[in-house]
Amino acid sequence: MPQQSSQEHEVAELITQSLNLDTDPNAIDPAQPLYREGLGLDSIDLLELSLVISKKYGFQIKSDDPENVSVFSSLGDLARTIKNRRTK
């Protein structure tokens, strides 16, 4: 399994804690899909995660954003989006 960067690890911990997942954050592959297959998140999970990201990092991920498919495609993609958009 590829090694997580420090940003990816921070986001993996955020995902598991905010969604109360019984998954070790270290076990989430940065290239593994987050939605449906892979980690198995559903649309409600992504909505909850978007709210947590907004509070913690100071930017919104709107539900109608056409980039959401790529933003939530993997841990690595989500971590890069946070790194590029964060205001906190």
C-alpha atoms as a PDB file:
ATOM      1  CA  MET A   1       0.000   0.000   0.000  1.00  0.00           C
ATOM      2  CA  PRO A   2       1.342   3.459  -0.855  1.00  0.00           C
ATOM      3  CA  GLN A   3       2.469   5.609   2.060  1.00  0.00           C
ATOM      4  CA  GLN A   4       0.207   8.507   3.083  1.00  0.00           C
ATOM      5  CA  SER A   5       1.612  12.031   3.105  1.00  0.00           C
ATOM      6  CA  SER A   6       1.113  14.012   6.310  1.00  0.00           C
ATOM      7  CA  GLN A   7      -1.789  15.910   4.688  1.00  0.00           C
ATOM      8  CA  GLU A   8      -3.409  12.645   3.553  1.00  0.00           C
ATOM      9  CA  HIS A   9      -3.027  11.190   7.051  1.00  0.00           C
ATOM     10  CA  GLU A  10      -4.653  14.273   8.601  1.00  0.00           C
ATOM     11  CA  VAL A  11      -7.593  13.953   6.190  1.00  0.00           C
ATOM     12  CA  ALA A  12      -7.852  10.175   6.768  1.00  0.00           C
ATOM     13  CA  GLU A  13      -8.117  10.827  10.509  1.00  0.00           C
ATOM     14  CA  LEU A  14     -10.734  13.515   9.872  1.00  0.00           C
ATOM     15  CA  ILE A  15     -12.774  11.089   7.755  1.00  0.00           C
ATOM     16  CA  THR A  16     -12.681   8.231  10.255  1.00  0.00           C
ATOM     17  CA  GLN A  17     -13.380  10.451  13.287  1.00  0.00           C
ATOM     18  CA  SER A  18     -16.108  12.640  11.811  1.00  0.00           C
ATOM     19  CA  LEU A  19     -17.967   9.685  10.263  1.00  0.00           C
ATOM     20  CA  ASN A  20     -17.303   7.313  13.189  1.00  0.00           C
ATOM     21  CA  LEU A  21     -15.793   4.714  10.875  1.00  0.00           C
ATOM     22  CA  ASP A  22     -14.345   1.545  12.314  1.00  0.00           C
ATOM     23  CA  THR A  23     -11.355   1.862   9.997  1.00  0.00           C
ATOM     24  CA  ASP A  24      -7.729   2.538  10.826  1.00  0.00           C
ATOM     25  CA  PRO A  25      -6.837   5.878   9.165  1.00  0.00           C
ATOM     26  CA  ASN A  26      -3.421   4.430   8.302  1.00  0.00           C
ATOM     27  CA  ALA A  27      -5.108   1.659   6.308  1.00  0.00           C
ATOM     28  CA  ILE A  28      -6.760   4.037   3.827  1.00  0.00           C
ATOM     29  CA  ASP A  29      -4.867   3.875   0.538  1.00  0.00           C
ATOM     30  CA  PRO A  30      -4.450   7.421  -0.889  1.00  0.00           C
ATOM     31  CA  ALA A  31      -5.512   6.127  -4.324  1.00  0.00           C
ATOM     32  CA  GLN A  32      -8.501   4.091  -3.051  1.00  0.00           C
ATOM     33  CA  PRO A  33     -11.929   5.456  -4.030  1.00  0.00           C
ATOM     34  CA  LEU A  34     -13.844   7.066  -1.173  1.00  0.00           C
ATOM     35  CA  TYR A  35     -17.345   6.874  -2.648  1.00  0.00           C
ATOM     36  CA  ARG A  36     -19.222   3.562  -2.930  1.00  0.00           C
ATOM     37  CA  GLU A  37     -16.535   0.984  -3.771  1.00  0.00           C
ATOM     38  CA  GLY A  38     -13.283   1.369  -1.931  1.00  0.00           C
ATOM     39  CA  LEU A  39     -13.937   3.034   1.432  1.00  0.00           C
ATOM     40  CA  GLY A  40     -17.684   2.739   0.835  1.00  0.00           C
ATOM     41  CA  LEU A  41     -18.877   6.242   1.688  1.00  0.00           C
ATOM     42  CA  ASP A  42     -22.330   7.262   0.497  1.00  0.00           C
ATOM     43  CA  SER A  43     -23.749  10.663  -0.440  1.00  0.00           C
ATOM     44  CA  ILE A  44     -24.825  11.414   3.154  1.00  0.00           C
ATOM     45  CA  ASP A  45     -21.276  10.654   4.357  1.00  0.00           C
ATOM     46  CA  LEU A  46     -19.880  13.056   1.760  1.00  0.00           C
ATOM     47  CA  LEU A  47     -22.321  15.757   2.853  1.00  0.00           C
ATOM     48  CA  GLU A  48     -21.298  15.323   6.514  1.00  0.00           C
ATOM     49  CA  LEU A  49     -17.642  15.340   5.514  1.00  0.00           C
ATOM     50  CA  SER A  50     -18.153  18.531   3.482  1.00  0.00           C
ATOM     51  CA  LEU A  51     -19.573  20.270   6.570  1.00  0.00           C
ATOM     52  CA  VAL A  52     -16.629  19.179   8.729  1.00  0.00           C
ATOM     53  CA  ILE A  53     -14.159  20.329   6.065  1.00  0.00           C
ATOM     54  CA  SER A  54     -15.910  23.692   5.852  1.00  0.00           C
ATOM     55  CA  LYS A  55     -15.610  24.239   9.608  1.00  0.00           C
ATOM     56  CA  LYS A  56     -12.053  22.979   9.931  1.00  0.00           C
ATOM     57  CA  TYR A  57     -10.452  24.390   6.779  1.00  0.00           C
ATOM     58  CA  GLY A  58     -12.581  27.465   6.029  1.00  0.00           C
ATOM     59  CA  PHE A  59     -13.940  26.713   2.561  1.00  0.00           C
ATOM     60  CA  GLN A  60     -17.134  25.190   1.252  1.00  0.00           C
ATOM     61  CA  ILE A  61     -17.609  22.211  -1.005  1.00  0.00           C
ATOM     62  CA  LYS A  62     -21.025  22.869  -2.504  1.00  0.00           C
ATOM     63  CA  SER A  63     -23.240  19.935  -3.401  1.00  0.00           C
ATOM     64  CA  ASP A  64     -23.738  21.202  -6.961  1.00  0.00           C
ATOM     65  CA  ASP A  65     -20.017  21.720  -7.669  1.00  0.00           C
ATOM     66  CA  PRO A  66     -19.181  19.771 -10.854  1.00  0.00           C
ATOM     67  CA  GLU A  67     -15.688  19.093  -9.463  1.00  0.00           C
ATOM     68  CA  ASN A  68     -17.070  16.996  -6.575  1.00  0.00           C
ATOM     69  CA  VAL A  69     -16.582  13.772  -8.495  1.00  0.00           C
ATOM     70  CA  SER A  70     -12.839  14.437  -8.689  1.00  0.00           C
ATOM     71  CA  VAL A  71     -12.621  16.072  -5.227  1.00  0.00           C
ATOM     72  CA  PHE A  72     -13.994  12.958  -3.515  1.00  0.00           C
ATOM     73  CA  SER A  73     -12.552  10.367  -5.887  1.00  0.00           C
ATOM     74  CA  SER A  74      -9.774   9.391  -3.448  1.00  0.00           C
ATOM     75  CA  LEU A  75      -8.063  10.359  -0.222  1.00  0.00           C
ATOM     76  CA  GLY A  76      -5.186  11.822  -2.228  1.00  0.00           C
ATOM     77  CA  ASP A  77      -7.504  13.987  -4.343  1.00  0.00           C
ATOM     78  CA  LEU A  78      -9.415  15.226  -1.299  1.00  0.00           C
ATOM     79  CA  ALA A  79      -6.172  16.050   0.534  1.00  0.00           C
ATOM     80  CA  ARG A  80      -4.874  18.008  -2.496  1.00  0.00           C
ATOM     81  CA  THR A  81      -8.152  19.937  -2.752  1.00  0.00           C
ATOM     82  CA  ILE A  82      -7.982  20.862   0.925  1.00  0.00           C
ATOM     83  CA  LYS A  83      -4.354  21.918   0.601  1.00  0.00           C
ATOM     84  CA  ASN A  84      -5.170  24.156  -2.384  1.00  0.00           C
ATOM     85  CA  ARG A  85      -8.414  25.695  -1.103  1.00  0.00           C
ATOM     86  CA  ARG A  86      -7.980  25.962   2.670  1.00  0.00           C
ATOM     87  CA  THR A  87      -8.154  29.368   4.322  1.00  0.00           C
ATOM     88  CA  LYS A  88      -7.505  28.131   7.886  1.00  0.00           C
END
